[in-house]
Each structure stands twice: as C-alpha cells, then as structure tokens.
Amino acid sequence: MQKLLILACLTVPAAPAFAGTWTAPEGCEVFLTVQAKACRVSHYYTCSADAPGDQWRVDMDQEGEFFFSRVDSEAQWVESYDPVKQVLDPAPADPASFSELIAEGMDTWDFSLSKEDGTGSRASGYDRLTGATVVIDGITLQETEVDFTEYGRDGTVLRRSRGNEYVHPEWRLFFAGPGETDLGDGQWLPIDGSPVEFNFPGEKGFLATQPIYDCDALTAELPVWRVSHEP
C-alpha cells in the first residue's frame, strides 16, 4: 500500500510547468505517466541515489506540480512534499507490506508520520485484495478494498477513508480508485482518482504536463492525494 509520504537527488520541487514535457530531477528516470480522473497527471520515476526498489511519484494539476512522494519496495510511504516535507517515523507498530498483501490477500498497517513544521499523525488501516481484476487502458490491475483512519498526535480523528484502489503486482504500485472520505466532521464525501490512461516511454502523452480528465472549472472534487492513502 502506498502510504502518506525528494532525497539527495531532489531537494526542492521544480517550478510549475504549464505546458510541454515534464523533466525528471538529475539522476532520475521516468518509467510511467498516468492520466487520472479528478484532473491529475502523475509521473512515476526512480533515482540512482535511492535504495533499490524505491519509487517516486509527482502529481500535477493544471497549475503544475503539487505533490511528490517516495515509497520503498514494500510500498511504505517513506517521504512526501506538499510542499512541507513529511517522513515515516522509525519502527512502525505494524509496517505496511506489499509482499504480504499479494501473498496472503490482506495487509494491516499502523505507522506514524512527522512533518518539518513539527506536526505529526498516525495512520492505521488495512488493504485487502477483493479477488476482482480490472483492465484499464490495456493494463490488468487487481482491485483492493482499503479502510483507514488518520489521527492527530492528540488522538483526534483527522480523516477516514474507505473504498477501492488498484495494485499492479509486478510494478509494486498502488493506484487510486473510487471511494469516500470523512475529513473529521462526520460527512462522507465521494472521491474517485482512478487511472484512465497509462503512457510509457515513446508513447503519446508520456511526460505530459497537463491533466486531461475531469478538469472542468466547475468540478469541485477534493484533490485525490488528500483523501486517498495512495501517496
């Protein structure tokens, strides 16, 4: 599962790109571009300075980059920038395990996060394979059920999310899906950040800087990275 979380090869996000082709940080290589619902395009990349299995993602809306995240080989959220840096605290109570999810069909997790501004939170929940598969733009994905709660350091519920996501076992990646979120006020709001197009190197749309789905100016959906546990 991709949890809430740029390293030596990436110190600060680049300036917003309004059109054209996105450029990865020095020492990094993009392997996938995903156009998703809710007006988001994401680029997935690896960096030579990172540990084997680490993967980065940058999310872009119509104004440019707004979120970076890095996960490890078990899809644990290692760090993120939104733009405040957030990192996974050491020794999680129940570390996330992509391997366990694929092998056993379910993975529970419980971990804490800390931000540069001194704030922090704890996330607890599970991912479960439903047994269903979906084919999106020619790519076969396994569907998951996800349910989690994020708490403030004082125990206050900051948000709850539940619904479905998708995983690609060979890529060891999660992708957002349809669900709903409660931002602490008891009201469940619908969300859907499902992928629509997968673009690979050499294909049209690879490294595109502009999202193309659900980008109507009147659309009032919440940003997917805020309400999904996909980092």
C-alpha atoms as a PDB file:
ATOM      1  CA  MET A   1       0.000   0.000   0.000  1.00  0.00           C
ATOM      2  CA  GLN A   2       1.154   3.405  -0.662  1.00  0.00           C
ATOM      3  CA  LYS A   3       1.264   5.381   2.474  1.00  0.00           C
ATOM      4  CA  LEU A   4       1.277   9.001   3.475  1.00  0.00           C
ATOM      5  CA  LEU A   5       5.000  10.357   2.250  1.00  0.00           C
ATOM      6  CA  ILE A   6      12.833  14.268  -2.820  1.00  0.00           C
ATOM      7  CA  LEU A   7      16.219  12.896  -1.285  1.00  0.00           C
ATOM      8  CA  ALA A   8      19.728  13.870  -2.333  1.00  0.00           C
ATOM      9  CA  CYS A   9      18.695  13.818  -5.960  1.00  0.00           C
ATOM     10  CA  LEU A  10      15.684  16.051  -5.279  1.00  0.00           C
ATOM     11  CA  THR A  11      15.840  18.848  -2.776  1.00  0.00           C
ATOM     12  CA  VAL A  12      13.064  21.185  -3.888  1.00  0.00           C
ATOM     13  CA  PRO A  13      10.225  20.697  -6.365  1.00  0.00           C
ATOM     14  CA  ALA A  14      10.823  22.416  -9.689  1.00  0.00           C
ATOM     15  CA  ALA A  15       8.829  25.469 -10.765  1.00  0.00           C
ATOM     16  CA  PRO A  16       5.302  24.728 -12.062  1.00  0.00           C
ATOM     17  CA  ALA A  17       5.147  23.537 -15.664  1.00  0.00           C
ATOM     18  CA  PHE A  18       2.135  24.790 -17.587  1.00  0.00           C
ATOM     19  CA  ALA A  19       2.642  23.001 -20.913  1.00  0.00           C
ATOM     20  CA  GLY A  20       5.005  20.701 -22.733  1.00  0.00           C
ATOM     21  CA  THR A  21       7.096  17.908 -21.279  1.00  0.00           C
ATOM     22  CA  TRP A  22       7.994  17.300 -17.643  1.00  0.00           C
ATOM     23  CA  THR A  23      11.675  16.820 -16.810  1.00  0.00           C
ATOM     24  CA  ALA A  24      12.743  14.472 -14.042  1.00  0.00           C
ATOM     25  CA  PRO A  25      15.376  15.558 -11.475  1.00  0.00           C
ATOM     26  CA  GLU A  26      19.011  14.875 -12.346  1.00  0.00           C
ATOM     27  CA  GLY A  27      19.899  11.241 -11.791  1.00  0.00           C
ATOM     28  CA  CYS A  28      16.302  10.084 -12.128  1.00  0.00           C
ATOM     29  CA  GLU A  29      14.395   8.320 -14.907  1.00  0.00           C
ATOM     30  CA  VAL A  30      10.647   8.317 -15.551  1.00  0.00           C
ATOM     31  CA  PHE A  31       9.108   4.968 -16.483  1.00  0.00           C
ATOM     32  CA  LEU A  32       5.377   5.738 -16.466  1.00  0.00           C
ATOM     33  CA  THR A  33       2.910   8.604 -16.911  1.00  0.00           C
ATOM     34  CA  VAL A  34      -0.676   8.154 -15.697  1.00  0.00           C
ATOM     35  CA  GLN A  35      -3.597  10.371 -16.627  1.00  0.00           C
ATOM     36  CA  ALA A  36      -6.250  10.000 -13.936  1.00  0.00           C
ATOM     37  CA  LYS A  37      -9.686  11.236 -13.025  1.00  0.00           C
ATOM     38  CA  ALA A  38     -10.081  14.337 -10.842  1.00  0.00           C
ATOM     39  CA  CYS A  39      -7.788  16.372 -13.118  1.00  0.00           C
ATOM     40  CA  ARG A  40      -4.447  14.785 -12.219  1.00  0.00           C
ATOM     41  CA  VAL A  41      -1.455  13.548 -14.224  1.00  0.00           C
ATOM     42  CA  SER A  42       1.282  11.650 -12.406  1.00  0.00           C
ATOM     43  CA  HIS A  43       4.818  10.646 -13.377  1.00  0.00           C
ATOM     44  CA  TYR A  44       6.489   7.631 -11.777  1.00  0.00           C
ATOM     45  CA  TYR A  45      10.283   7.519 -11.656  1.00  0.00           C
ATOM     46  CA  THR A  46      13.338   6.032  -9.981  1.00  0.00           C
ATOM     47  CA  CYS A  47      16.563   7.749  -8.881  1.00  0.00           C
ATOM     48  CA  SER A  48      20.057   6.286  -8.858  1.00  0.00           C
ATOM     49  CA  ALA A  49      20.790   7.719  -5.385  1.00  0.00           C
ATOM     50  CA  ASP A  50      17.929   5.803  -3.753  1.00  0.00           C
ATOM     51  CA  ALA A  51      17.779   2.334  -2.265  1.00  0.00           C
ATOM     52  CA  PRO A  52      16.856  -0.489  -4.668  1.00  0.00           C
ATOM     53  CA  GLY A  53      13.099  -0.718  -5.074  1.00  0.00           C
ATOM     54  CA  ASP A  54      12.372   2.899  -4.120  1.00  0.00           C
ATOM     55  CA  GLN A  55       9.981   4.717  -6.461  1.00  0.00           C
ATOM     56  CA  TRP A  56       8.929   8.355  -6.737  1.00  0.00           C
ATOM     57  CA  ARG A  57       5.711   9.928  -7.950  1.00  0.00           C
ATOM     58  CA  VAL A  58       4.936  13.539  -8.799  1.00  0.00           C
ATOM     59  CA  ASP A  59       1.329  14.682  -9.138  1.00  0.00           C
ATOM     60  CA  MET A  60       0.401  17.621 -11.354  1.00  0.00           C
ATOM     61  CA  ASP A  61      -2.775  19.604 -11.851  1.00  0.00           C
ATOM     62  CA  GLN A  62      -3.471  22.386 -14.335  1.00  0.00           C
ATOM     63  CA  GLU A  63      -1.119  24.750 -12.471  1.00  0.00           C
ATOM     64  CA  GLY A  64       1.815  22.348 -12.227  1.00  0.00           C
ATOM     65  CA  GLU A  65       3.420  20.106  -9.581  1.00  0.00           C
ATOM     66  CA  PHE A  66       1.679  19.967  -6.216  1.00  0.00           C
ATOM     67  CA  PHE A  67       2.840  16.738  -4.569  1.00  0.00           C
ATOM     68  CA  PHE A  68       5.938  14.496  -4.542  1.00  0.00           C
ATOM     69  CA  SER A  69       6.195  11.177  -2.728  1.00  0.00           C
ATOM     70  CA  ARG A  70       8.636   8.279  -2.377  1.00  0.00           C
ATOM     71  CA  VAL A  71       7.776   4.695  -1.444  1.00  0.00           C
ATOM     72  CA  ASP A  72      10.076   1.756  -0.809  1.00  0.00           C
ATOM     73  CA  SER A  73       9.969  -1.792  -2.199  1.00  0.00           C
ATOM     74  CA  GLU A  74       7.138  -2.689   0.192  1.00  0.00           C
ATOM     75  CA  ALA A  75       5.150   0.398  -0.880  1.00  0.00           C
ATOM     76  CA  GLN A  76       5.696   2.018   2.517  1.00  0.00           C
ATOM     77  CA  TRP A  77       5.366   5.770   2.356  1.00  0.00           C
ATOM     78  CA  VAL A  78       8.933   6.977   3.022  1.00  0.00           C
ATOM     79  CA  GLU A  79       8.611  10.724   2.430  1.00  0.00           C
ATOM     80  CA  SER A  80       6.453  13.329   0.718  1.00  0.00           C
ATOM     81  CA  TYR A  81       6.371  17.031  -0.102  1.00  0.00           C
ATOM     82  CA  ASP A  82       3.168  19.043  -0.374  1.00  0.00           C
ATOM     83  CA  PRO A  83       5.260  21.323  -0.125  1.00  0.00           C
ATOM     84  CA  VAL A  84       6.016  20.627   3.563  1.00  0.00           C
ATOM     85  CA  LYS A  85       8.264  17.585   3.961  1.00  0.00           C
ATOM     86  CA  GLN A  86       6.725  14.606   5.754  1.00  0.00           C
ATOM     87  CA  VAL A  87       8.576  11.401   6.668  1.00  0.00           C
ATOM     88  CA  LEU A  88       7.768   7.965   8.006  1.00  0.00           C
ATOM     89  CA  ASP A  89       8.775   7.621  11.647  1.00  0.00           C
ATOM     90  CA  PRO A  90      11.203   4.795  12.554  1.00  0.00           C
ATOM     91  CA  ALA A  91       9.968   1.427  13.832  1.00  0.00           C
ATOM     92  CA  PRO A  92       6.313   1.402  12.730  1.00  0.00           C
ATOM     93  CA  ALA A  93       3.984  -0.553  15.020  1.00  0.00           C
ATOM     94  CA  ASP A  94       2.781  -2.586  12.038  1.00  0.00           C
ATOM     95  CA  PRO A  95       4.792  -1.874   8.857  1.00  0.00           C
ATOM     96  CA  ALA A  96       2.983  -1.955   5.539  1.00  0.00           C
ATOM     97  CA  SER A  97       3.916  -4.935   3.385  1.00  0.00           C
ATOM     98  CA  PHE A  98       3.111  -5.143  -0.313  1.00  0.00           C
ATOM     99  CA  SER A  99       4.522  -8.668  -0.293  1.00  0.00           C
ATOM    100  CA  GLU A 100       2.081  -9.737   2.413  1.00  0.00           C
ATOM    101  CA  LEU A 101      -0.849  -8.233   0.557  1.00  0.00           C
ATOM    102  CA  ILE A 102      -0.042 -10.128  -2.637  1.00  0.00           C
ATOM    103  CA  ALA A 103       0.848 -13.401  -0.926  1.00  0.00           C
ATOM    104  CA  GLU A 104      -1.910 -13.530   1.688  1.00  0.00           C
ATOM    105  CA  GLY A 105      -4.595 -11.265   0.238  1.00  0.00           C
ATOM    106  CA  MET A 106      -4.600  -8.774   3.114  1.00  0.00           C
ATOM    107  CA  ASP A 107      -2.188  -6.437   4.882  1.00  0.00           C
ATOM    108  CA  THR A 108      -2.841  -4.411   8.032  1.00  0.00           C
ATOM    109  CA  TRP A 109      -0.674  -1.449   8.940  1.00  0.00           C
ATOM    110  CA  ASP A 110      -0.129   1.098  11.702  1.00  0.00           C
ATOM    111  CA  PHE A 111       2.558   3.776  11.435  1.00  0.00           C
ATOM    112  CA  SER A 112       3.336   7.378  12.382  1.00  0.00           C
ATOM    113  CA  LEU A 113       4.441  10.354  10.309  1.00  0.00           C
ATOM    114  CA  SER A 114       6.264  13.579  11.158  1.00  0.00           C
ATOM    115  CA  LYS A 115       6.356  16.910   9.290  1.00  0.00           C
ATOM    116  CA  GLU A 116       9.095  19.533   9.137  1.00  0.00           C
ATOM    117  CA  ASP A 117       6.719  22.021  10.762  1.00  0.00           C
ATOM    118  CA  GLY A 118       6.626  19.919  13.931  1.00  0.00           C
ATOM    119  CA  THR A 119       3.218  18.348  13.410  1.00  0.00           C
ATOM    120  CA  GLY A 120       2.591  14.647  13.012  1.00  0.00           C
ATOM    121  CA  SER A 121      -0.043  11.975  12.718  1.00  0.00           C
ATOM    122  CA  ARG A 122      -0.706   8.242  12.974  1.00  0.00           C
ATOM    123  CA  ALA A 123      -2.398   6.131  10.296  1.00  0.00           C
ATOM    124  CA  SER A 124      -3.969   2.746  10.875  1.00  0.00           C
ATOM    125  CA  GLY A 125      -5.890   0.523   8.481  1.00  0.00           C
ATOM    126  CA  TYR A 126      -5.772  -2.308   6.001  1.00  0.00           C
ATOM    127  CA  ASP A 127      -5.621  -3.247   2.313  1.00  0.00           C
ATOM    128  CA  ARG A 128      -7.400  -6.367   1.108  1.00  0.00           C
ATOM    129  CA  LEU A 129      -7.499  -7.968  -2.332  1.00  0.00           C
ATOM    130  CA  THR A 130     -11.115  -8.353  -3.397  1.00  0.00           C
ATOM    131  CA  GLY A 131     -10.335 -11.073  -5.945  1.00  0.00           C
ATOM    132  CA  ALA A 132     -11.568  -8.882  -8.796  1.00  0.00           C
ATOM    133  CA  THR A 133      -9.417  -7.574 -11.632  1.00  0.00           C
ATOM    134  CA  VAL A 134      -9.963  -4.603 -13.910  1.00  0.00           C
ATOM    135  CA  VAL A 135      -8.428  -3.716 -17.256  1.00  0.00           C
ATOM    136  CA  ILE A 136      -7.696  -0.002 -17.738  1.00  0.00           C
ATOM    137  CA  ASP A 137      -6.121   1.144 -20.999  1.00  0.00           C
ATOM    138  CA  GLY A 138      -4.937  -2.396 -21.649  1.00  0.00           C
ATOM    139  CA  ILE A 139      -3.317  -2.824 -18.208  1.00  0.00           C
ATOM    140  CA  THR A 140      -4.656  -5.517 -15.883  1.00  0.00           C
ATOM    141  CA  LEU A 141      -4.870  -4.420 -12.244  1.00  0.00           C
ATOM    142  CA  GLN A 142      -6.030  -6.184  -9.099  1.00  0.00           C
ATOM    143  CA  GLU A 143      -8.724  -4.436  -7.088  1.00  0.00           C
ATOM    144  CA  THR A 144      -8.289  -3.813  -3.374  1.00  0.00           C
ATOM    145  CA  GLU A 145     -10.520  -2.721  -0.529  1.00  0.00           C
ATOM    146  CA  VAL A 146      -8.970  -0.092   1.709  1.00  0.00           C
ATOM    147  CA  ASP A 147     -10.132   1.364   5.017  1.00  0.00           C
ATOM    148  CA  PHE A 148      -8.023   3.598   7.232  1.00  0.00           C
ATOM    149  CA  THR A 149      -8.114   6.334   9.836  1.00  0.00           C
ATOM    150  CA  GLU A 150      -5.562   9.087  10.372  1.00  0.00           C
ATOM    151  CA  TYR A 151      -5.210  10.521  13.883  1.00  0.00           C
ATOM    152  CA  GLY A 152      -3.548  13.659  15.208  1.00  0.00           C
ATOM    153  CA  ARG A 153      -0.920  13.331  17.941  1.00  0.00           C
ATOM    154  CA  ASP A 154      -3.628  14.079  20.486  1.00  0.00           C
ATOM    155  CA  GLY A 155      -5.766  11.206  19.217  1.00  0.00           C
ATOM    156  CA  THR A 156      -8.199  13.393  17.295  1.00  0.00           C
ATOM    157  CA  VAL A 157      -9.520  11.800  14.105  1.00  0.00           C
ATOM    158  CA  LEU A 158      -8.187  13.880  11.203  1.00  0.00           C
ATOM    159  CA  ARG A 159      -9.792  11.833   8.449  1.00  0.00           C
ATOM    160  CA  ARG A 160     -11.145   8.465   7.471  1.00  0.00           C
ATOM    161  CA  SER A 161     -11.118   6.953   4.001  1.00  0.00           C
ATOM    162  CA  ARG A 162     -12.643   3.808   2.593  1.00  0.00           C
ATOM    163  CA  GLY A 163     -13.275   2.369  -0.838  1.00  0.00           C
ATOM    164  CA  ASN A 164     -11.307   0.623  -3.549  1.00  0.00           C
ATOM    165  CA  GLU A 165      -7.873   1.021  -5.086  1.00  0.00           C
ATOM    166  CA  TYR A 166      -5.843  -0.942  -7.634  1.00  0.00           C
ATOM    167  CA  VAL A 167      -2.460  -2.657  -7.488  1.00  0.00           C
ATOM    168  CA  HIS A 168      -0.034  -3.906 -10.116  1.00  0.00           C
ATOM    169  CA  PRO A 169       1.937  -6.772  -8.512  1.00  0.00           C
ATOM    170  CA  GLU A 170       4.944  -6.574 -10.867  1.00  0.00           C
ATOM    171  CA  TRP A 171       5.255  -2.791 -10.650  1.00  0.00           C
ATOM    172  CA  ARG A 172       4.633  -2.909  -6.866  1.00  0.00           C
ATOM    173  CA  LEU A 173       2.443   0.165  -7.132  1.00  0.00           C
ATOM    174  CA  PHE A 174      -0.951   1.279  -5.866  1.00  0.00           C
ATOM    175  CA  PHE A 175      -3.324   3.439  -7.895  1.00  0.00           C
ATOM    176  CA  ALA A 176      -6.261   5.399  -6.503  1.00  0.00           C
ATOM    177  CA  GLY A 177      -9.826   4.292  -7.103  1.00  0.00           C
ATOM    178  CA  PRO A 178     -13.413   5.147  -6.150  1.00  0.00           C
ATOM    179  CA  GLY A 179     -14.298   5.666  -2.515  1.00  0.00           C
ATOM    180  CA  GLU A 180     -15.288   8.203   0.095  1.00  0.00           C
ATOM    181  CA  THR A 181     -13.603  10.231   2.803  1.00  0.00           C
ATOM    182  CA  ASP A 182     -14.576  11.909   6.069  1.00  0.00           C
ATOM    183  CA  LEU A 183     -12.354  14.849   6.968  1.00  0.00           C
ATOM    184  CA  GLY A 184     -13.222  14.638  10.648  1.00  0.00           C
ATOM    185  CA  ASP A 185     -16.690  16.184  10.548  1.00  0.00           C
ATOM    186  CA  GLY A 186     -18.692  13.001  10.061  1.00  0.00           C
ATOM    187  CA  GLN A 187     -19.626  13.776   6.472  1.00  0.00           C
ATOM    188  CA  TRP A 188     -18.564  11.196   3.880  1.00  0.00           C
ATOM    189  CA  LEU A 189     -17.612  12.761   0.557  1.00  0.00           C
ATOM    190  CA  PRO A 190     -17.289  10.751  -2.676  1.00  0.00           C
ATOM    191  CA  ILE A 191     -13.880  10.604  -4.362  1.00  0.00           C
ATOM    192  CA  ASP A 192     -12.506   8.910  -7.470  1.00  0.00           C
ATOM    193  CA  GLY A 193      -8.932   9.295  -8.698  1.00  0.00           C
ATOM    194  CA  SER A 194      -8.903   6.161 -10.849  1.00  0.00           C
ATOM    195  CA  PRO A 195      -6.338   5.937 -13.649  1.00  0.00           C
ATOM    196  CA  VAL A 196      -7.652   6.398 -17.192  1.00  0.00           C
ATOM    197  CA  GLU A 197      -4.506   6.241 -19.374  1.00  0.00           C
ATOM    198  CA  PHE A 198      -1.113   4.563 -18.913  1.00  0.00           C
ATOM    199  CA  ASN A 199       1.606   6.122 -21.090  1.00  0.00           C
ATOM    200  CA  PHE A 200       5.073   4.606 -21.431  1.00  0.00           C
ATOM    201  CA  PRO A 201       8.337   5.991 -22.873  1.00  0.00           C
ATOM    202  CA  GLY A 202       7.943   6.720 -26.586  1.00  0.00           C
ATOM    203  CA  GLU A 203       4.152   6.850 -26.434  1.00  0.00           C
ATOM    204  CA  LYS A 204       1.975   9.905 -26.975  1.00  0.00           C
ATOM    205  CA  GLY A 205       1.211  11.541 -23.645  1.00  0.00           C
ATOM    206  CA  PHE A 206       4.351  10.328 -21.877  1.00  0.00           C
ATOM    207  CA  LEU A 207       5.710  13.134 -19.620  1.00  0.00           C
ATOM    208  CA  ALA A 208       2.683  15.352 -20.367  1.00  0.00           C
ATOM    209  CA  THR A 209       2.421  18.320 -18.013  1.00  0.00           C
ATOM    210  CA  GLN A 210      -1.328  18.845 -18.286  1.00  0.00           C
ATOM    211  CA  PRO A 211      -4.086  16.572 -16.911  1.00  0.00           C
ATOM    212  CA  ILE A 212      -6.947  15.945 -19.310  1.00  0.00           C
ATOM    213  CA  TYR A 213      -9.771  14.250 -17.374  1.00  0.00           C
ATOM    214  CA  ASP A 214     -12.357  15.914 -15.115  1.00  0.00           C
ATOM    215  CA  CYS A 215     -10.717  19.310 -15.492  1.00  0.00           C
ATOM    216  CA  ASP A 216     -13.886  21.367 -15.917  1.00  0.00           C
ATOM    217  CA  ALA A 217     -13.537  24.636 -13.995  1.00  0.00           C
ATOM    218  CA  LEU A 218     -16.748  23.829 -12.105  1.00  0.00           C
ATOM    219  CA  THR A 219     -15.515  20.463 -10.849  1.00  0.00           C
ATOM    220  CA  ALA A 220     -15.461  20.512  -7.046  1.00  0.00           C
ATOM    221  CA  GLU A 221     -13.811  17.170  -6.283  1.00  0.00           C
ATOM    222  CA  LEU A 222     -11.246  17.033  -3.491  1.00  0.00           C
ATOM    223  CA  PRO A 223      -7.624  16.525  -4.545  1.00  0.00           C
ATOM    224  CA  VAL A 224      -7.080  12.761  -4.642  1.00  0.00           C
ATOM    225  CA  TRP A 225      -3.774  12.841  -2.748  1.00  0.00           C
ATOM    226  CA  ARG A 226      -5.569  14.400   0.187  1.00  0.00           C
ATOM    227  CA  VAL A 227      -8.188  11.710   0.534  1.00  0.00           C
ATOM    228  CA  SER A 228      -6.569   8.507  -0.671  1.00  0.00           C
ATOM    229  CA  HIS A 229      -3.867   6.548   1.138  1.00  0.00           C
ATOM    230  CA  GLU A 230      -2.064   6.323  -2.189  1.00  0.00           C
ATOM    231  CA  PRO A 231       0.953   8.542  -1.731  1.00  0.00           C
END
